[in-house]
Amino acid sequence: QNSKEKSYRLTIFVLSVILLACVMFSGFQSVYIFK
């Protein structure tokens, strides 16, 4: 049960990192297009 919780938390963490990277990339792209 603890292993499942750790795996679930790791998945959430990875997805959060990916989502944050996408948001940052979109932001940089918007700034570039604006310039």
Full PDB file with SEQRES, HELIX, SHEET, SSBOND, CRYST1, ORIGX, SCALE, CONECT and MASTER records, all heavy atoms in Angstrom:
SEQRES   1 A   35  GLN ASN SER LYS GLU LYS SER TYR ARG LEU THR ILE PHE          
SEQRES   2 A   35  VAL LEU SER VAL ILE LEU LEU ALA CYS VAL MET PHE SER          
SEQRES   3 A   35  GLY PHE GLN SER VAL TYR ILE PHE LYS                          
HELIX    1 AA1 ASN A    2  PHE A   34  1                                  33    
CRYST1    1.000    1.000    1.000  90.00  90.00  90.00 P 1           1          
ORIGX1      1.000000  0.000000  0.000000        0.00000                         
ORIGX2      0.000000  1.000000  0.000000        0.00000                         
ORIGX3      0.000000  0.000000  1.000000        0.00000                         
SCALE1      1.000000  0.000000  0.000000        0.00000                         
SCALE2      0.000000  1.000000  0.000000        0.00000                         
SCALE3      0.000000  0.000000  1.000000        0.00000                         
ATOM      1  N   GLN A   1       0.837  -1.209   0.000  1.00  0.00           N  
ATOM      2  CA  GLN A   1       0.000   0.000   0.000  1.00  0.00           C  
ATOM      3  C   GLN A   1       0.861   1.242   0.000  1.00  0.00           C  
ATOM      4  O   GLN A   1       0.604   2.204  -0.732  1.00  0.00           O  
ATOM      5  CB  GLN A   1      -0.912  -0.023   1.238  1.00  0.00           C  
ATOM      6  CG  GLN A   1      -1.887   1.157   1.268  1.00  0.00           C  
ATOM      7  CD  GLN A   1      -2.859   1.029   2.423  1.00  0.00           C  
ATOM      8  OE1 GLN A   1      -2.867   0.032   3.133  1.00  0.00           O  
ATOM      9  NE2 GLN A   1      -3.676   2.043   2.607  1.00  0.00           N  
ATOM     10  N   ASN A   2       1.960   1.229   0.821  1.00  0.00           N  
ATOM     11  CA  ASN A   2       2.889   2.375   0.817  1.00  0.00           C  
ATOM     12  C   ASN A   2       3.563   2.543  -0.535  1.00  0.00           C  
ATOM     13  O   ASN A   2       3.804   3.656  -0.999  1.00  0.00           O  
ATOM     14  CB  ASN A   2       3.938   2.179   1.919  1.00  0.00           C  
ATOM     15  CG  ASN A   2       3.342   2.304   3.320  1.00  0.00           C  
ATOM     16  OD1 ASN A   2       2.286   2.908   3.475  1.00  0.00           O  
ATOM     17  ND2 ASN A   2       4.015   1.715   4.319  1.00  0.00           N  
ATOM     18  N   SER A   3       3.904   1.421  -1.190  1.00  0.00           N  
ATOM     19  CA  SER A   3       4.546   1.493  -2.520  1.00  0.00           C  
ATOM     20  C   SER A   3       3.606   2.137  -3.537  1.00  0.00           C  
ATOM     21  O   SER A   3       4.001   2.940  -4.382  1.00  0.00           O  
ATOM     22  CB  SER A   3       4.937   0.082  -2.994  1.00  0.00           C  
ATOM     23  OG  SER A   3       5.866  -0.484  -2.107  1.00  0.00           O  
ATOM     24  N   LYS A   4       2.354   1.797  -3.435  1.00  0.00           N  
ATOM     25  CA  LYS A   4       1.375   2.388  -4.357  1.00  0.00           C  
ATOM     26  C   LYS A   4       1.264   3.880  -4.129  1.00  0.00           C  
ATOM     27  O   LYS A   4       1.172   4.677  -5.061  1.00  0.00           O  
ATOM     28  CB  LYS A   4       0.006   1.722  -4.163  1.00  0.00           C  
ATOM     29  CG  LYS A   4      -0.048   0.291  -4.670  1.00  0.00           C  
ATOM     30  CD  LYS A   4      -1.433  -0.291  -4.455  1.00  0.00           C  
ATOM     31  CE  LYS A   4      -1.486  -1.724  -4.943  1.00  0.00           C  
ATOM     32  NZ  LYS A   4      -2.825  -2.327  -4.722  1.00  0.00           N  
ATOM     33  N   GLU A   5       1.275   4.285  -2.844  1.00  0.00           N  
ATOM     34  CA  GLU A   5       1.177   5.717  -2.537  1.00  0.00           C  
ATOM     35  C   GLU A   5       2.381   6.464  -3.067  1.00  0.00           C  
ATOM     36  O   GLU A   5       2.267   7.568  -3.643  1.00  0.00           O  
ATOM     37  CB  GLU A   5       1.060   5.901  -1.017  1.00  0.00           C  
ATOM     38  CG  GLU A   5      -0.271   5.432  -0.443  1.00  0.00           C  
ATOM     39  CD  GLU A   5      -0.327   5.574   1.080  1.00  0.00           C  
ATOM     40  OE1 GLU A   5       0.704   5.998   1.652  1.00  0.00           O  
ATOM     41  OE2 GLU A   5      -1.376   5.288   1.644  1.00  0.00           O  
ATOM     42  N   LYS A   6       3.601   5.858  -2.872  1.00  0.00           N  
ATOM     43  CA  LYS A   6       4.813   6.505  -3.377  1.00  0.00           C  
ATOM     44  C   LYS A   6       4.787   6.617  -4.901  1.00  0.00           C  
ATOM     45  O   LYS A   6       5.162   7.638  -5.477  1.00  0.00           O  
ATOM     46  CB  LYS A   6       6.038   5.721  -2.922  1.00  0.00           C  
ATOM     47  CG  LYS A   6       6.337   5.842  -1.433  1.00  0.00           C  
ATOM     48  CD  LYS A   6       7.577   5.057  -1.072  1.00  0.00           C  
ATOM     49  CE  LYS A   6       7.878   5.173   0.420  1.00  0.00           C  
ATOM     50  NZ  LYS A   6       9.096   4.389   0.790  1.00  0.00           N  
ATOM     51  N   SER A   7       4.348   5.552  -5.555  1.00  0.00           N  
ATOM     52  CA  SER A   7       4.266   5.569  -7.023  1.00  0.00           C  
ATOM     53  C   SER A   7       3.282   6.626  -7.496  1.00  0.00           C  
ATOM     54  O   SER A   7       3.526   7.361  -8.460  1.00  0.00           O  
ATOM     55  CB  SER A   7       3.856   4.186  -7.535  1.00  0.00           C  
ATOM     56  OG  SER A   7       3.702   4.207  -8.929  1.00  0.00           O  
ATOM     57  N   TYR A   8       2.160   6.729  -6.795  1.00  0.00           N  
ATOM     58  CA  TYR A   8       1.143   7.718  -7.160  1.00  0.00           C  
ATOM     59  C   TYR A   8       1.678   9.133  -6.994  1.00  0.00           C  
ATOM     60  O   TYR A   8       1.504  10.002  -7.840  1.00  0.00           O  
ATOM     61  CB  TYR A   8      -0.092   7.508  -6.284  1.00  0.00           C  
ATOM     62  CG  TYR A   8      -1.183   8.513  -6.499  1.00  0.00           C  
ATOM     63  CD1 TYR A   8      -2.007   8.455  -7.605  1.00  0.00           C  
ATOM     64  CD2 TYR A   8      -1.372   9.564  -5.578  1.00  0.00           C  
ATOM     65  CE1 TYR A   8      -3.006   9.386  -7.798  1.00  0.00           C  
ATOM     66  CE2 TYR A   8      -2.359  10.493  -5.778  1.00  0.00           C  
ATOM     67  CZ  TYR A   8      -3.169  10.411  -6.890  1.00  0.00           C  
ATOM     68  OH  TYR A   8      -4.152  11.328  -7.089  1.00  0.00           O  
ATOM     69  N   ARG A   9       2.385   9.357  -5.857  1.00  0.00           N  
ATOM     70  CA  ARG A   9       2.955  10.688  -5.612  1.00  0.00           C  
ATOM     71  C   ARG A   9       4.016  11.043  -6.654  1.00  0.00           C  
ATOM     72  O   ARG A   9       4.123  12.177  -7.109  1.00  0.00           O  
ATOM     73  CB  ARG A   9       3.556  10.738  -4.207  1.00  0.00           C  
ATOM     74  CG  ARG A   9       2.513  10.716  -3.095  1.00  0.00           C  
ATOM     75  CD  ARG A   9       3.175  10.621  -1.744  1.00  0.00           C  
ATOM     76  NE  ARG A   9       2.179  10.558  -0.666  1.00  0.00           N  
ATOM     77  CZ  ARG A   9       2.478  10.347   0.598  1.00  0.00           C  
ATOM     78  NH1 ARG A   9       3.757  10.149   0.963  1.00  0.00           N  
ATOM     79  NH2 ARG A   9       1.520  10.306   1.506  1.00  0.00           N  
ATOM     80  N   LEU A  10       4.824  10.042  -7.026  1.00  0.00           N  
ATOM     81  CA  LEU A  10       5.857  10.280  -8.044  1.00  0.00           C  
ATOM     82  C   LEU A  10       5.232  10.655  -9.391  1.00  0.00           C  
ATOM     83  O   LEU A  10       5.695  11.557 -10.088  1.00  0.00           O  
ATOM     84  CB  LEU A  10       6.729   9.026  -8.201  1.00  0.00           C  
ATOM     85  CG  LEU A  10       7.862   9.129  -9.238  1.00  0.00           C  
ATOM     86  CD1 LEU A  10       8.833  10.254  -8.856  1.00  0.00           C  
ATOM     87  CD2 LEU A  10       8.596   7.797  -9.347  1.00  0.00           C  
ATOM     88  N   THR A  11       4.147   9.959  -9.726  1.00  0.00           N  
ATOM     89  CA  THR A  11       3.451  10.259 -10.991  1.00  0.00           C  
ATOM     90  C   THR A  11       2.899  11.674 -10.983  1.00  0.00           C  
ATOM     91  O   THR A  11       3.008  12.422 -11.961  1.00  0.00           O  
ATOM     92  CB  THR A  11       2.308   9.258 -11.220  1.00  0.00           C  
ATOM     93  OG1 THR A  11       2.842   7.940 -11.246  1.00  0.00           O  
ATOM     94  CG2 THR A  11       1.591   9.544 -12.545  1.00  0.00           C  
ATOM     95  N   ILE A  12       2.284  12.054  -9.835  1.00  0.00           N  
ATOM     96  CA  ILE A  12       1.752  13.409  -9.705  1.00  0.00           C  
ATOM     97  C   ILE A  12       2.863  14.433  -9.846  1.00  0.00           C  
ATOM     98  O   ILE A  12       2.724  15.467 -10.512  1.00  0.00           O  
ATOM     99  CB  ILE A  12       1.025  13.576  -8.357  1.00  0.00           C  
ATOM    100  CG1 ILE A  12      -0.227  12.693  -8.314  1.00  0.00           C  
ATOM    101  CG2 ILE A  12       0.645  15.038  -8.134  1.00  0.00           C  
ATOM    102  CD1 ILE A  12      -1.264  13.042  -9.351  1.00  0.00           C  
ATOM    103  N   PHE A  13       4.001  14.153  -9.240  1.00  0.00           N  
ATOM    104  CA  PHE A  13       5.141  15.085  -9.301  1.00  0.00           C  
ATOM    105  C   PHE A  13       5.645  15.248 -10.738  1.00  0.00           C  
ATOM    106  O   PHE A  13       5.878  16.354 -11.216  1.00  0.00           O  
ATOM    107  CB  PHE A  13       6.270  14.568  -8.403  1.00  0.00           C  
ATOM    108  CG  PHE A  13       7.527  15.381  -8.485  1.00  0.00           C  
ATOM    109  CD1 PHE A  13       7.630  16.606  -7.832  1.00  0.00           C  
ATOM    110  CD2 PHE A  13       8.604  14.933  -9.243  1.00  0.00           C  
ATOM    111  CE1 PHE A  13       8.774  17.367  -7.924  1.00  0.00           C  
ATOM    112  CE2 PHE A  13       9.766  15.697  -9.343  1.00  0.00           C  
ATOM    113  CZ  PHE A  13       9.852  16.919  -8.694  1.00  0.00           C  
ATOM    114  N   VAL A  14       5.808  14.138 -11.448  1.00  0.00           N  
ATOM    115  CA  VAL A  14       6.290  14.188 -12.836  1.00  0.00           C  
ATOM    116  C   VAL A  14       5.318  14.963 -13.728  1.00  0.00           C  
ATOM    117  O   VAL A  14       5.705  15.810 -14.543  1.00  0.00           O  
ATOM    118  CB  VAL A  14       6.517  12.769 -13.394  1.00  0.00           C  
ATOM    119  CG1 VAL A  14       6.819  12.813 -14.896  1.00  0.00           C  
ATOM    120  CG2 VAL A  14       7.658  12.085 -12.644  1.00  0.00           C  
ATOM    121  N   LEU A  15       4.027  14.675 -13.575  1.00  0.00           N  
ATOM    122  CA  LEU A  15       3.024  15.380 -14.373  1.00  0.00           C  
ATOM    123  C   LEU A  15       3.032  16.870 -14.066  1.00  0.00           C  
ATOM    124  O   LEU A  15       2.871  17.716 -14.963  1.00  0.00           O  
ATOM    125  CB  LEU A  15       1.636  14.793 -14.101  1.00  0.00           C  
ATOM    126  CG  LEU A  15       1.394  13.375 -14.633  1.00  0.00           C  
ATOM    127  CD1 LEU A  15       0.010  12.868 -14.200  1.00  0.00           C  
ATOM    128  CD2 LEU A  15       1.496  13.360 -16.161  1.00  0.00           C  
ATOM    129  N   SER A  16       3.232  17.222 -12.794  1.00  0.00           N  
ATOM    130  CA  SER A  16       3.275  18.628 -12.404  1.00  0.00           C  
ATOM    131  C   SER A  16       4.458  19.339 -13.055  1.00  0.00           C  
ATOM    132  O   SER A  16       4.353  20.465 -13.541  1.00  0.00           O  
ATOM    133  CB  SER A  16       3.339  18.761 -10.879  1.00  0.00           C  
ATOM    134  OG  SER A  16       2.215  18.183 -10.267  1.00  0.00           O  
ATOM    135  N   VAL A  17       5.611  18.643 -13.063  1.00  0.00           N  
ATOM    136  CA  VAL A  17       6.807  19.224 -13.693  1.00  0.00           C  
ATOM    137  C   VAL A  17       6.584  19.449 -15.178  1.00  0.00           C  
ATOM    138  O   VAL A  17       6.914  20.493 -15.744  1.00  0.00           O  
ATOM    139  CB  VAL A  17       8.036  18.317 -13.453  1.00  0.00           C  
ATOM    140  CG1 VAL A  17       9.215  18.785 -14.300  1.00  0.00           C  
ATOM    141  CG2 VAL A  17       8.408  18.312 -11.976  1.00  0.00           C  
ATOM    142  N   ILE A  18       5.985  18.436 -15.842  1.00  0.00           N  
ATOM    143  CA  ILE A  18       5.708  18.557 -17.283  1.00  0.00           C  
ATOM    144  C   ILE A  18       4.752  19.710 -17.552  1.00  0.00           C  
ATOM    145  O   ILE A  18       4.923  20.507 -18.480  1.00  0.00           O  
ATOM    146  CB  ILE A  18       5.137  17.233 -17.835  1.00  0.00           C  
ATOM    147  CG1 ILE A  18       6.207  16.137 -17.751  1.00  0.00           C  
ATOM    148  CG2 ILE A  18       4.654  17.415 -19.269  1.00  0.00           C  
ATOM    149  CD1 ILE A  18       5.692  14.764 -18.138  1.00  0.00           C  
ATOM    150  N   LEU A  19       3.681  19.798 -16.733  1.00  0.00           N  
ATOM    151  CA  LEU A  19       2.705  20.873 -16.911  1.00  0.00           C  
ATOM    152  C   LEU A  19       3.349  22.234 -16.714  1.00  0.00           C  
ATOM    153  O   LEU A  19       3.122  23.173 -17.477  1.00  0.00           O  
ATOM    154  CB  LEU A  19       1.551  20.686 -15.916  1.00  0.00           C  
ATOM    155  CG  LEU A  19       0.441  21.740 -15.967  1.00  0.00           C  
ATOM    156  CD1 LEU A  19      -0.207  21.753 -17.344  1.00  0.00           C  
ATOM    157  CD2 LEU A  19      -0.602  21.475 -14.887  1.00  0.00           C  
ATOM    158  N   LEU A  20       4.196  22.345 -15.687  1.00  0.00           N  
ATOM    159  CA  LEU A  20       4.886  23.613 -15.436  1.00  0.00           C  
ATOM    160  C   LEU A  20       5.805  23.977 -16.594  1.00  0.00           C  
ATOM    161  O   LEU A  20       5.873  25.135 -17.020  1.00  0.00           O  
ATOM    162  CB  LEU A  20       5.704  23.501 -14.138  1.00  0.00           C  
ATOM    163  CG  LEU A  20       6.519  24.754 -13.746  1.00  0.00           C  
ATOM    164  CD1 LEU A  20       5.587  25.937 -13.527  1.00  0.00           C  
ATOM    165  CD2 LEU A  20       7.344  24.476 -12.490  1.00  0.00           C  
ATOM    166  N   ALA A  21       6.495  22.982 -17.161  1.00  0.00           N  
ATOM    167  CA  ALA A  21       7.380  23.234 -18.297  1.00  0.00           C  
ATOM    168  C   ALA A  21       6.591  23.731 -19.497  1.00  0.00           C  
ATOM    169  O   ALA A  21       7.015  24.649 -20.215  1.00  0.00           O  
ATOM    170  CB  ALA A  21       8.150  21.955 -18.650  1.00  0.00           C  
ATOM    171  N   CYS A  22       5.419  23.123 -19.721  1.00  0.00           N  
ATOM    172  CA  CYS A  22       4.573  23.559 -20.849  1.00  0.00           C  
ATOM    173  C   CYS A  22       4.114  24.991 -20.674  1.00  0.00           C  
ATOM    174  O   CYS A  22       4.097  25.788 -21.605  1.00  0.00           O  
ATOM    175  CB  CYS A  22       3.368  22.615 -20.985  1.00  0.00           C  
ATOM    176  SG  CYS A  22       3.790  20.952 -21.560  1.00  0.00           S  
ATOM    177  N   VAL A  23       3.710  25.308 -19.426  1.00  0.00           N  
ATOM    178  CA  VAL A  23       3.248  26.674 -19.161  1.00  0.00           C  
ATOM    179  C   VAL A  23       4.369  27.677 -19.389  1.00  0.00           C  
ATOM    180  O   VAL A  23       4.185  28.728 -19.995  1.00  0.00           O  
ATOM    181  CB  VAL A  23       2.705  26.783 -17.719  1.00  0.00           C  
ATOM    182  CG1 VAL A  23       2.432  28.239 -17.359  1.00  0.00           C  
ATOM    183  CG2 VAL A  23       1.442  25.953 -17.576  1.00  0.00           C  
ATOM    184  N   MET A  24       5.582  27.331 -18.882  1.00  0.00           N  
ATOM    185  CA  MET A  24       6.722  28.238 -19.060  1.00  0.00           C  
ATOM    186  C   MET A  24       7.075  28.391 -20.531  1.00  0.00           C  
ATOM    187  O   MET A  24       7.363  29.479 -21.020  1.00  0.00           O  
ATOM    188  CB  MET A  24       7.926  27.698 -18.281  1.00  0.00           C  
ATOM    189  CG  MET A  24       7.750  27.757 -16.763  1.00  0.00           C  
ATOM    190  SD  MET A  24       9.150  27.041 -15.882  1.00  0.00           S  
ATOM    191  CE  MET A  24      10.433  28.215 -16.325  1.00  0.00           C  
ATOM    192  N   PHE A  25       7.050  27.291 -21.311  1.00  0.00           N  
ATOM    193  CA  PHE A  25       7.361  27.363 -22.742  1.00  0.00           C  
ATOM    194  C   PHE A  25       6.358  28.242 -23.477  1.00  0.00           C  
ATOM    195  O   PHE A  25       6.720  29.068 -24.313  1.00  0.00           O  
ATOM    196  CB  PHE A  25       7.351  25.953 -23.338  1.00  0.00           C  
ATOM    197  CG  PHE A  25       7.545  25.934 -24.823  1.00  0.00           C  
ATOM    198  CD1 PHE A  25       8.804  26.113 -25.372  1.00  0.00           C  
ATOM    199  CD2 PHE A  25       6.469  25.769 -25.682  1.00  0.00           C  
ATOM    200  CE1 PHE A  25       8.989  26.112 -26.742  1.00  0.00           C  
ATOM    201  CE2 PHE A  25       6.636  25.771 -27.048  1.00  0.00           C  
ATOM    202  CZ  PHE A  25       7.906  25.930 -27.575  1.00  0.00           C  
ATOM    203  N   SER A  26       5.061  28.062 -23.131  1.00  0.00           N  
ATOM    204  CA  SER A  26       4.028  28.886 -23.777  1.00  0.00           C  
ATOM    205  C   SER A  26       4.230  30.350 -23.457  1.00  0.00           C  
ATOM    206  O   SER A  26       4.057  31.225 -24.295  1.00  0.00           O  
ATOM    207  CB  SER A  26       2.640  28.430 -23.318  1.00  0.00           C  
ATOM    208  OG  SER A  26       2.407  27.098 -23.683  1.00  0.00           O  
ATOM    209  N   GLY A  27       4.627  30.616 -22.200  1.00  0.00           N  
ATOM    210  CA  GLY A  27       4.861  32.008 -21.821  1.00  0.00           C  
ATOM    211  C   GLY A  27       5.998  32.617 -22.594  1.00  0.00           C  
ATOM    212  O   GLY A  27       5.902  33.731 -23.116  1.00  0.00           O  
ATOM    213  N   PHE A  28       7.131  31.875 -22.669  1.00  0.00           N  
ATOM    214  CA  PHE A  28       8.278  32.383 -23.431  1.00  0.00           C  
ATOM    215  C   PHE A  28       7.931  32.573 -24.902  1.00  0.00           C  
ATOM    216  O   PHE A  28       8.337  33.538 -25.550  1.00  0.00           O  
ATOM    217  CB  PHE A  28       9.463  31.420 -23.310  1.00  0.00           C  
ATOM    218  CG  PHE A  28      10.111  31.422 -21.954  1.00  0.00           C  
ATOM    219  CD1 PHE A  28      10.411  30.236 -21.320  1.00  0.00           C  
ATOM    220  CD2 PHE A  28      10.420  32.617 -21.305  1.00  0.00           C  
ATOM    221  CE1 PHE A  28      11.008  30.241 -20.069  1.00  0.00           C  
ATOM    222  CE2 PHE A  28      11.007  32.631 -20.064  1.00  0.00           C  
ATOM    223  CZ  PHE A  28      11.293  31.440 -19.429  1.00  0.00           C  
ATOM    224  N   GLN A  29       7.153  31.624 -25.460  1.00  0.00           N  
ATOM    225  CA  GLN A  29       6.758  31.720 -26.860  1.00  0.00           C  
ATOM    226  C   GLN A  29       5.884  32.938 -27.098  1.00  0.00           C  
ATOM    227  O   GLN A  29       6.043  33.649 -28.087  1.00  0.00           O  
ATOM    228  CB  GLN A  29       6.003  30.453 -27.267  1.00  0.00           C  
ATOM    229  CG  GLN A  29       5.731  30.367 -28.772  1.00  0.00           C  
ATOM    230  CD  GLN A  29       4.997  29.105 -29.113  1.00  0.00           C  
ATOM    231  OE1 GLN A  29       4.061  28.724 -28.420  1.00  0.00           O  
ATOM    232  NE2 GLN A  29       5.400  28.448 -30.179  1.00  0.00           N  
ATOM    233  N   SER A  30       4.960  33.207 -26.173  1.00  0.00           N  
ATOM    234  CA  SER A  30       4.096  34.377 -26.320  1.00  0.00           C  
ATOM    235  C   SER A  30       4.895  35.662 -26.296  1.00  0.00           C  
ATOM    236  O   SER A  30       4.657  36.584 -27.079  1.00  0.00           O  
ATOM    237  CB  SER A  30       3.046  34.392 -25.203  1.00  0.00           C  
ATOM    238  OG  SER A  30       2.234  33.240 -25.264  1.00  0.00           O  
ATOM    239  N   VAL A  31       5.883  35.725 -25.382  1.00  0.00           N  
ATOM    240  CA  VAL A  31       6.732  36.920 -25.309  1.00  0.00           C  
ATOM    241  C   VAL A  31       7.498  37.091 -26.604  1.00  0.00           C  
ATOM    242  O   VAL A  31       7.625  38.181 -27.160  1.00  0.00           O  
ATOM    243  CB  VAL A  31       7.694  36.829 -24.109  1.00  0.00           C  
ATOM    244  CG1 VAL A  31       8.717  37.958 -24.150  1.00  0.00           C  
ATOM    245  CG2 VAL A  31       6.912  36.865 -22.814  1.00  0.00           C  
ATOM    246  N   TYR A  32       8.022  35.969 -27.147  1.00  0.00           N  
ATOM    247  CA  TYR A  32       8.797  36.041 -28.391  1.00  0.00           C  
ATOM    248  C   TYR A  32       7.943  36.530 -29.549  1.00  0.00           C  
ATOM    249  O   TYR A  32       8.340  37.384 -30.339  1.00  0.00           O  
ATOM    250  CB  TYR A  32       9.358  34.653 -28.701  1.00  0.00           C  
ATOM    251  CG  TYR A  32      10.094  34.569 -30.012  1.00  0.00           C  
ATOM    252  CD1 TYR A  32      11.325  35.182 -30.172  1.00  0.00           C  
ATOM    253  CD2 TYR A  32       9.544  33.882 -31.086  1.00  0.00           C  
ATOM    254  CE1 TYR A  32      11.994  35.123 -31.361  1.00  0.00           C  
ATOM    255  CE2 TYR A  32      10.213  33.803 -32.285  1.00  0.00           C  
ATOM    256  CZ  TYR A  32      11.442  34.426 -32.425  1.00  0.00           C  
ATOM    257  OH  TYR A  32      12.095  34.367 -33.611  1.00  0.00           O  
ATOM    258  N   ILE A  33       6.716  35.951 -29.668  1.00  0.00           N  
ATOM    259  CA  ILE A  33       5.818  36.365 -30.740  1.00  0.00           C  
ATOM    260  C   ILE A  33       5.444  37.832 -30.589  1.00  0.00           C  
ATOM    261  O   ILE A  33       5.380  38.589 -31.557  1.00  0.00           O  
ATOM    262  CB  ILE A  33       4.551  35.486 -30.749  1.00  0.00           C  
ATOM    263  CG1 ILE A  33       4.940  34.057 -31.137  1.00  0.00           C  
ATOM    264  CG2 ILE A  33       3.504  36.037 -31.698  1.00  0.00           C  
ATOM    265  CD1 ILE A  33       3.807  33.058 -31.001  1.00  0.00           C  
ATOM    266  N   PHE A  34       5.199  38.259 -29.348  1.00  0.00           N  
ATOM    267  CA  PHE A  34       4.870  39.670 -29.123  1.00  0.00           C  
ATOM    268  C   PHE A  34       6.002  40.573 -29.588  1.00  0.00           C  
ATOM    269  O   PHE A  34       5.787  41.596 -30.228  1.00  0.00           O  
ATOM    270  CB  PHE A  34       4.568  39.909 -27.645  1.00  0.00           C  
ATOM    271  CG  PHE A  34       4.374  41.348 -27.302  1.00  0.00           C  
ATOM    272  CD1 PHE A  34       3.170  41.981 -27.586  1.00  0.00           C  
ATOM    273  CD2 PHE A  34       5.392  42.092 -26.721  1.00  0.00           C  
ATOM    274  CE1 PHE A  34       2.991  43.320 -27.287  1.00  0.00           C  
ATOM    275  CE2 PHE A  34       5.220  43.429 -26.428  1.00  0.00           C  
ATOM    276  CZ  PHE A  34       4.023  44.040 -26.705  1.00  0.00           C  
ATOM    277  N   LYS A  35       7.256  40.168 -29.259  1.00  0.00           N  
ATOM    278  CA  LYS A  35       8.391  40.993 -29.677  1.00  0.00           C  
ATOM    279  C   LYS A  35       8.530  41.010 -31.182  1.00  0.00           C  
ATOM    280  O   LYS A  35       8.886  42.016 -31.787  1.00  0.00           O  
ATOM    281  CB  LYS A  35       9.676  40.465 -29.036  1.00  0.00           C  
ATOM    282  CG  LYS A  35       9.761  40.735 -27.535  1.00  0.00           C  
ATOM    283  CD  LYS A  35      11.091  40.285 -26.953  1.00  0.00           C  
ATOM    284  CE  LYS A  35      11.192  40.643 -25.479  1.00  0.00           C  
ATOM    285  NZ  LYS A  35      12.484  40.204 -24.900  1.00  0.00           N  
TER     286      LYS A  35                                                      
MASTER        0    0    0    1    0    0    0    6  285    1    0    3          
END                                                                             
